[in-house]
């Protein structure tokens, strides 16, 4: 790949310094999805990472951590899971900057802003000729659980069903302990797909799981629920970030685990460990009350607060390219799942 010098608004920024640059520190839009760890993770999965900087002045810059796949006819697809770090006011020129810098004829960008819903930020995207995609990859709502208080107070906010399930786990003598064997975690996900609890795109591969565990190392906590014969029934894991927040990353439960209602007690043990690692909040990573009612009711039973985020926007050098990609995603998720 040949990168050429340009005078456009966004310039290539060395990803090695993404966690060191002083202009990045303090941005509320920083998340695990634009961290150096996530860069290493997606590179393991075949994406090429290129970071971009939009310099406002000596003391202010905006950044984008992009993941790119190149295709024939000088075309590329760009995925930005962490959104813009900073302001999106100059987002208009990002597509053109990428095409000029990487000698591309066509470029499709899908961006997901993790920022809390903000009308002005959405208006900025629309005014800068970004569009809401025809097919959205994820929900624009999440649920945040405040875990600053002691465990008794956290437990008191659980729903009646949650408390009943935790009591059932205690009665069945369920044991909770750390799990880091990626094959065991992948096996549980496959079990859930076979019994149709999860769709194909919701099942993490062994490669995906193994990559996350290796790149996040000491910043990931995964607990498993075991019966008295030491059989793994369920797992739940979270990534702990420097902003004192844990983010839900793994959640899988086999048929026996569901019958014994182990997931509630497992989550309770996980947040206890997250508190021990100086976390004040737990992000349950996505709720969809309409299309995934069961998952929503489970997460809502924790007593957490639902939050709307900005969500997904797209920019394409060709309307036809955007149409093809959205149609492909629809077929992949809805028809061939």
Protein backbone atom coordinates (compact mmCIF):
# COMPACT_ATOMS: atom_id res chain seq x y z
CA UNK A 1 0.00 0.00 0.00
CA UNK A 2 1.42 3.41 -1.02
CA UNK A 3 0.52 6.35 1.21
CA UNK A 4 0.98 9.78 -0.34
CA UNK A 5 1.31 13.19 1.27
CA UNK A 6 -1.80 15.38 1.05
CA UNK A 7 -3.00 18.73 2.38
CA UNK A 8 -6.42 17.48 3.44
CA UNK A 9 -8.03 17.92 6.84
CA UNK A 10 -7.29 14.47 8.27
CA UNK A 11 -3.74 13.13 8.34
CA UNK A 12 -2.39 9.71 9.29
CA UNK A 13 -1.43 9.46 12.95
CA UNK A 14 0.93 6.77 14.28
CA UNK A 15 -1.22 4.23 16.14
CA UNK A 16 1.69 3.49 18.52
CA UNK A 17 0.98 6.81 20.23
CA UNK A 18 -2.80 6.46 20.47
CA UNK A 19 -2.61 5.84 24.24
CA UNK A 20 0.22 8.32 24.87
CA UNK A 21 -0.82 11.51 23.08
CA UNK A 22 -1.72 14.28 25.55
CA UNK A 23 -4.43 15.63 23.23
CA UNK A 24 -6.31 12.34 23.59
CA UNK A 25 -6.42 12.35 27.37
CA UNK A 26 -9.60 13.61 28.99
CA UNK A 27 -11.85 13.03 25.98
CA UNK A 28 -15.20 11.63 27.14
CA UNK A 29 -15.45 9.75 23.84
CA UNK A 30 -12.51 7.48 24.66
CA UNK A 31 -13.58 3.84 24.93
CA UNK A 32 -12.17 0.34 24.65
CA UNK A 33 -13.11 0.41 20.95
CA UNK A 34 -10.45 3.00 20.12
CA UNK A 35 -7.82 1.63 22.49
CA UNK A 36 -4.49 0.13 21.49
CA UNK A 37 -5.76 -3.24 22.77
CA UNK A 38 -8.75 -3.16 20.41
CA UNK A 39 -6.42 -2.21 17.55
CA UNK A 40 -4.34 -5.33 18.21
CA UNK A 41 -7.50 -7.43 18.47
CA UNK A 42 -8.98 -6.39 15.11
CA UNK A 43 -5.58 -6.67 13.43
CA UNK A 44 -5.55 -10.29 14.61
CA UNK A 45 -8.84 -10.71 12.74
CA UNK A 46 -7.48 -9.35 9.46
CA UNK A 47 -8.30 -5.65 9.64
CA UNK A 48 -5.65 -3.01 8.95
CA UNK A 49 -5.65 -0.15 11.42
CA UNK A 50 -4.97 3.43 10.38
CA UNK A 51 -5.45 6.31 12.82
CA UNK A 52 -6.34 9.81 11.64
CA UNK A 53 -5.80 13.20 13.25
CA UNK A 54 -7.65 16.43 12.52
CA UNK A 55 -5.55 19.28 13.94
CA UNK A 56 -7.59 22.25 15.20
CA UNK A 57 -4.73 24.16 16.81
CA UNK A 58 -1.54 23.52 18.80
CA UNK A 59 -3.45 22.21 21.81
CA UNK A 60 -6.51 20.65 20.21
CA UNK A 61 -6.99 17.73 17.82
CA UNK A 62 -9.69 15.25 16.90
CA UNK A 63 -8.88 11.61 16.23
CA UNK A 64 -10.38 8.60 14.50
CA UNK A 65 -9.22 5.00 14.90
CA UNK A 66 -10.23 3.27 11.67
CA UNK A 67 -10.09 -0.37 10.59
CA UNK A 68 -9.82 -0.96 6.86
CA UNK A 69 -10.22 -3.81 4.40
CA UNK A 70 -9.07 -3.25 0.82
CA UNK A 71 -10.89 -4.66 -2.21
CA UNK A 72 -10.39 -4.67 -6.00
CA UNK A 73 -10.97 -1.56 -8.12
CA UNK A 74 -9.26 0.68 -5.53
CA UNK A 75 -12.15 0.28 -3.10
CA UNK A 76 -12.05 0.05 0.71
CA UNK A 77 -14.47 -0.53 3.55
CA UNK A 78 -13.72 1.37 6.76
CA UNK A 79 -15.08 0.48 10.20
CA UNK A 80 -14.83 2.99 13.08
CA UNK A 81 -16.31 1.26 16.18
CA UNK A 82 -15.19 3.91 18.66
CA UNK A 83 -16.52 6.97 16.82
CA UNK A 84 -14.70 10.30 16.76
CA UNK A 85 -12.43 11.10 19.69
CA UNK A 86 -13.24 14.78 20.17
CA UNK A 87 -15.55 16.88 17.99
CA UNK A 88 -17.24 15.68 14.79
CA UNK A 89 -17.51 19.19 13.30
CA UNK A 90 -14.87 18.46 10.64
CA UNK A 91 -16.14 14.97 9.80
CA UNK A 92 -17.21 16.11 6.30
CA UNK A 93 -13.70 15.71 4.86
CA UNK A 94 -12.83 12.33 6.44
CA UNK A 95 -13.95 10.20 3.48
CA UNK A 96 -12.09 12.35 0.97
CA UNK A 97 -9.00 12.45 3.18
CA UNK A 98 -8.91 8.66 3.39
CA UNK A 99 -9.34 8.28 -0.38
CA UNK A 100 -6.62 10.82 -1.18
CA UNK A 101 -4.17 9.47 1.39
CA UNK A 102 -4.62 5.81 0.39
CA UNK A 103 -5.06 6.29 -3.38
CA UNK A 104 -8.61 4.94 -3.36
CA UNK A 105 -11.31 5.47 -5.94
CA UNK A 106 -14.18 4.49 -3.64
CA UNK A 107 -14.54 4.30 0.11
CA UNK A 108 -17.41 3.28 2.36
CA UNK A 109 -17.21 4.26 6.05
CA UNK A 110 -19.40 2.89 8.86
CA UNK A 111 -18.93 4.75 12.15
CA UNK A 112 -20.45 3.92 15.53
CA UNK A 113 -20.38 6.70 18.12
CA UNK A 114 -20.47 5.43 21.70
CA UNK A 115 -21.31 8.93 23.01
CA UNK A 116 -24.53 9.47 24.91
CA UNK A 117 -27.39 10.73 22.72
CA UNK A 118 -26.83 14.37 21.81
CA UNK A 119 -29.00 16.22 19.30
CA UNK A 120 -26.23 18.61 18.24
CA UNK A 121 -23.82 15.77 17.47
CA UNK A 122 -26.42 14.06 15.31
CA UNK A 123 -27.14 17.34 13.48
CA UNK A 124 -23.37 17.74 12.86
CA UNK A 125 -23.23 14.32 11.21
CA UNK A 126 -26.22 15.08 8.99
CA UNK A 127 -25.03 18.58 8.05
CA UNK A 128 -21.65 17.08 7.12
CA UNK A 129 -23.38 14.72 4.64
CA UNK A 130 -23.26 11.58 6.76
CA UNK A 131 -26.36 9.39 6.76
CA UNK A 132 -28.09 6.94 9.07
CA UNK A 133 -27.50 3.51 7.43
CA UNK A 134 -30.42 1.60 5.95
CA UNK A 135 -29.32 -1.44 7.95
CA UNK A 136 -28.01 -0.91 11.49
CA UNK A 137 -25.52 -3.43 12.92
CA UNK A 138 -26.29 -2.85 16.60
CA UNK A 139 -28.78 -1.24 18.93
CA UNK A 140 -28.48 2.44 19.89
CA UNK A 141 -29.32 1.75 23.52
CA UNK A 142 -27.30 0.35 26.38
CA UNK A 143 -27.79 -0.08 30.11
CA UNK A 144 -25.40 1.29 32.73
CA UNK A 145 -25.26 -0.15 36.24
CA UNK A 146 -23.83 2.03 39.01
CA UNK A 147 -21.62 -0.22 41.17
CA UNK A 148 -20.02 2.42 43.39
CA UNK A 149 -22.13 1.41 46.42
CA UNK A 150 -21.61 -1.76 48.47
CA UNK A 151 -22.77 -5.17 47.22
CA UNK A 152 -25.77 -5.24 49.56
CA UNK A 153 -27.15 -2.05 48.08
CA UNK A 154 -26.50 -3.28 44.53
CA UNK A 155 -28.33 -6.51 45.39
CA UNK A 156 -31.28 -4.56 46.83
CA UNK A 157 -31.91 -2.99 43.39
CA UNK A 158 -32.22 -6.36 41.68
CA UNK A 159 -35.68 -7.46 40.59
CA UNK A 160 -37.58 -10.19 42.45
CA UNK A 161 -36.77 -12.70 39.68
CA UNK A 162 -33.08 -11.86 39.95
CA UNK A 163 -33.05 -12.43 43.70
CA UNK A 164 -34.96 -15.69 43.28
CA UNK A 165 -32.46 -16.94 40.69
CA UNK A 166 -29.48 -16.07 42.89
CA UNK A 167 -31.08 -17.97 45.79
CA UNK A 168 -31.58 -20.94 43.46
CA UNK A 169 -27.88 -20.88 42.53
CA UNK A 170 -26.90 -20.90 46.19
CA UNK A 171 -29.26 -23.82 46.86
CA UNK A 172 -27.73 -25.75 43.92
CA UNK A 173 -24.21 -25.04 45.24
CA UNK A 174 -23.04 -23.36 42.04
CA UNK A 175 -19.33 -22.49 42.12
CA UNK A 176 -17.95 -19.36 40.44
CA UNK A 177 -14.33 -19.17 39.38
CA UNK A 178 -12.13 -17.56 36.72
CA UNK A 179 -12.13 -18.99 33.19
CA UNK A 180 -9.61 -18.04 30.51
CA UNK A 181 -9.61 -21.11 28.24
CA UNK A 182 -10.92 -19.71 24.95
CA UNK A 183 -11.94 -23.17 23.68
CA UNK A 184 -14.29 -23.69 26.64
CA UNK A 185 -15.88 -20.27 26.10
CA UNK A 186 -16.27 -20.89 22.34
CA UNK A 187 -17.87 -24.27 23.09
CA UNK A 188 -20.60 -22.61 25.18
CA UNK A 189 -21.34 -20.13 22.38
CA UNK A 190 -21.65 -23.02 19.90
CA UNK A 191 -24.04 -24.80 22.27
CA UNK A 192 -26.24 -21.71 22.35
CA UNK A 193 -26.27 -21.51 18.56
CA UNK A 194 -27.25 -25.17 18.23
CA UNK A 195 -30.19 -24.76 20.58
CA UNK A 196 -31.12 -21.53 18.70
CA UNK A 197 -30.55 -19.22 21.66
CA UNK A 198 -28.10 -17.22 19.55
CA UNK A 199 -28.06 -16.33 15.86
CA UNK A 200 -24.94 -17.12 13.85
CA UNK A 201 -23.63 -13.53 13.88
CA UNK A 202 -24.00 -13.43 17.68
CA UNK A 203 -21.70 -16.44 18.15
CA UNK A 204 -18.09 -15.49 18.81
CA UNK A 205 -15.54 -17.73 17.10
CA UNK A 206 -12.67 -19.35 18.94
CA UNK A 207 -10.28 -17.00 17.10
CA UNK A 208 -12.26 -13.93 18.21
CA UNK A 209 -12.41 -15.03 21.86
CA UNK A 210 -8.76 -16.08 21.98
CA UNK A 211 -7.66 -12.74 20.51
CA UNK A 212 -9.60 -10.67 23.06
CA UNK A 213 -8.28 -12.69 26.01
CA UNK A 214 -4.68 -12.38 24.80
CA UNK A 215 -4.64 -8.68 23.89
CA UNK A 216 -6.49 -7.45 26.99
CA UNK A 217 -4.59 -9.78 29.36
CA UNK A 218 -4.83 -8.23 32.85
CA UNK A 219 -7.71 -5.93 31.82
CA UNK A 220 -10.24 -8.68 31.25
CA UNK A 221 -12.21 -10.58 33.89
CA UNK A 222 -14.04 -13.77 32.92
CA UNK A 223 -15.94 -15.92 35.41
CA UNK A 224 -17.51 -19.30 34.87
CA UNK A 225 -20.37 -21.02 36.72
CA UNK A 226 -19.65 -24.68 37.58
CA UNK A 227 -21.83 -27.41 39.06
CA UNK A 228 -20.63 -29.75 41.83
CA UNK A 229 -19.06 -32.08 39.23
CA UNK A 230 -16.97 -29.15 37.90
CA UNK A 231 -18.92 -28.88 34.62
CA UNK A 232 -18.87 -25.43 33.05
CA UNK A 233 -22.47 -24.18 32.77
CA UNK A 234 -22.07 -20.51 31.83
CA UNK A 235 -19.52 -17.72 31.45
CA UNK A 236 -19.61 -13.94 31.70
CA UNK A 237 -16.75 -11.52 31.13
CA UNK A 238 -15.96 -7.83 31.11
CA UNK A 239 -13.14 -5.56 30.00
CA UNK A 240 -11.97 -3.08 32.64
CA UNK A 241 -10.89 0.32 31.31
CA UNK A 242 -8.97 3.23 32.82
CA UNK A 243 -12.11 5.37 33.07
CA UNK A 244 -13.31 3.17 35.97
CA UNK A 245 -15.88 1.39 33.81
CA UNK A 246 -16.30 -2.30 33.02
CA UNK A 247 -17.77 -3.24 29.64
CA UNK A 248 -19.66 -6.49 29.08
CA UNK A 249 -17.81 -8.56 26.48
CA UNK A 250 -18.73 -12.25 26.92
CA UNK A 251 -22.03 -13.84 27.96
CA UNK A 252 -22.93 -17.46 27.24
CA UNK A 253 -25.01 -20.05 29.07
CA UNK A 254 -25.67 -23.68 28.17
CA UNK A 255 -28.98 -25.54 28.47
CA UNK A 256 -28.21 -26.91 31.95
CA UNK A 257 -27.11 -23.48 33.12
CA UNK A 258 -30.44 -21.98 32.08
CA UNK A 259 -32.38 -24.68 33.92
CA UNK A 260 -30.38 -23.97 37.08
CA UNK A 261 -30.64 -20.15 36.57
CA UNK A 262 -26.91 -19.63 37.08
CA UNK A 263 -26.49 -16.43 35.02
CA UNK A 264 -27.76 -14.05 37.70
CA UNK A 265 -25.43 -15.26 40.43
CA UNK A 266 -22.59 -15.35 37.90
CA UNK A 267 -23.13 -11.71 37.01
CA UNK A 268 -23.30 -10.77 40.70
CA UNK A 269 -19.90 -12.42 41.25
CA UNK A 270 -18.47 -10.66 38.20
CA UNK A 271 -19.47 -7.17 39.30
CA UNK A 272 -18.05 -7.92 42.76
CA UNK A 273 -14.69 -8.55 41.07
CA UNK A 274 -15.08 -5.44 38.88
CA UNK A 275 -15.57 -3.37 42.03
CA UNK A 276 -12.37 -4.89 43.44
CA UNK A 277 -10.67 -3.60 40.25
CA UNK A 278 -11.79 0.00 40.96
CA UNK A 279 -14.77 0.12 38.59
CA UNK A 280 -17.62 2.52 39.37
CA UNK A 281 -19.91 1.58 36.47
CA UNK A 282 -20.77 -1.52 34.48
CA UNK A 283 -21.89 -1.18 30.85
CA UNK A 284 -24.15 -4.10 29.92
CA UNK A 285 -23.43 -3.44 26.22
CA UNK A 286 -26.66 -3.10 24.35
CA UNK A 287 -30.37 -3.52 24.96
CA UNK A 288 -33.13 -3.91 22.40
CA UNK A 289 -36.58 -4.00 24.07
CA UNK A 290 -38.35 -4.68 20.75
CA UNK A 291 -36.20 -7.26 18.96
CA UNK A 292 -34.46 -8.95 21.89
CA UNK A 293 -37.02 -8.84 24.69
CA UNK A 294 -35.53 -11.66 26.77
CA UNK A 295 -32.05 -10.15 26.92
CA UNK A 296 -33.53 -6.74 27.71
CA UNK A 297 -35.59 -8.10 30.63
CA UNK A 298 -32.55 -9.92 32.02
CA UNK A 299 -30.35 -6.82 31.93
CA UNK A 300 -33.12 -4.53 33.13
CA UNK A 301 -33.52 -6.75 36.20
CA UNK A 302 -30.18 -5.45 37.50
CA UNK A 303 -31.75 -2.05 38.21
CA UNK A 304 -29.41 -0.29 35.79
CA UNK A 305 -30.26 2.87 33.86
CA UNK A 306 -31.05 2.70 30.11
CA UNK A 307 -28.95 5.09 28.03
CA UNK A 308 -29.37 6.09 24.38
CA UNK A 309 -26.18 6.57 22.36
CA UNK A 310 -25.50 8.37 19.07
CA UNK A 311 -25.06 5.07 17.25
CA UNK A 312 -24.23 4.45 13.60
CA UNK A 313 -23.63 6.74 10.65
CA UNK A 314 -22.21 6.10 7.21
CA UNK A 315 -20.30 8.03 4.54
CA UNK A 316 -19.80 6.69 1.05
CA UNK A 317 -18.10 8.01 -2.06
CA UNK A 318 -20.85 6.27 -4.03
CA UNK A 319 -24.55 5.94 -3.08
CA UNK A 320 -24.63 2.67 -5.04
CA UNK A 321 -21.74 1.27 -2.95
CA UNK A 322 -23.61 2.15 0.26
CA UNK A 323 -26.75 0.45 -1.07
CA UNK A 324 -24.84 -2.75 -1.93
CA UNK A 325 -23.15 -2.94 1.48
CA UNK A 326 -26.39 -2.37 3.40
CA UNK A 327 -28.16 -5.00 1.30
CA UNK A 328 -25.31 -7.46 1.87
CA UNK A 329 -25.46 -6.89 5.65
CA UNK A 330 -29.23 -7.41 5.58
CA UNK A 331 -28.88 -10.71 3.71
CA UNK A 332 -26.06 -11.90 5.98
CA UNK A 333 -27.91 -11.12 9.21
CA UNK A 334 -31.53 -11.80 8.30
CA UNK A 335 -31.55 -14.40 5.53
CA UNK A 336 -28.41 -16.52 5.96
CA UNK A 337 -28.37 -16.59 9.76
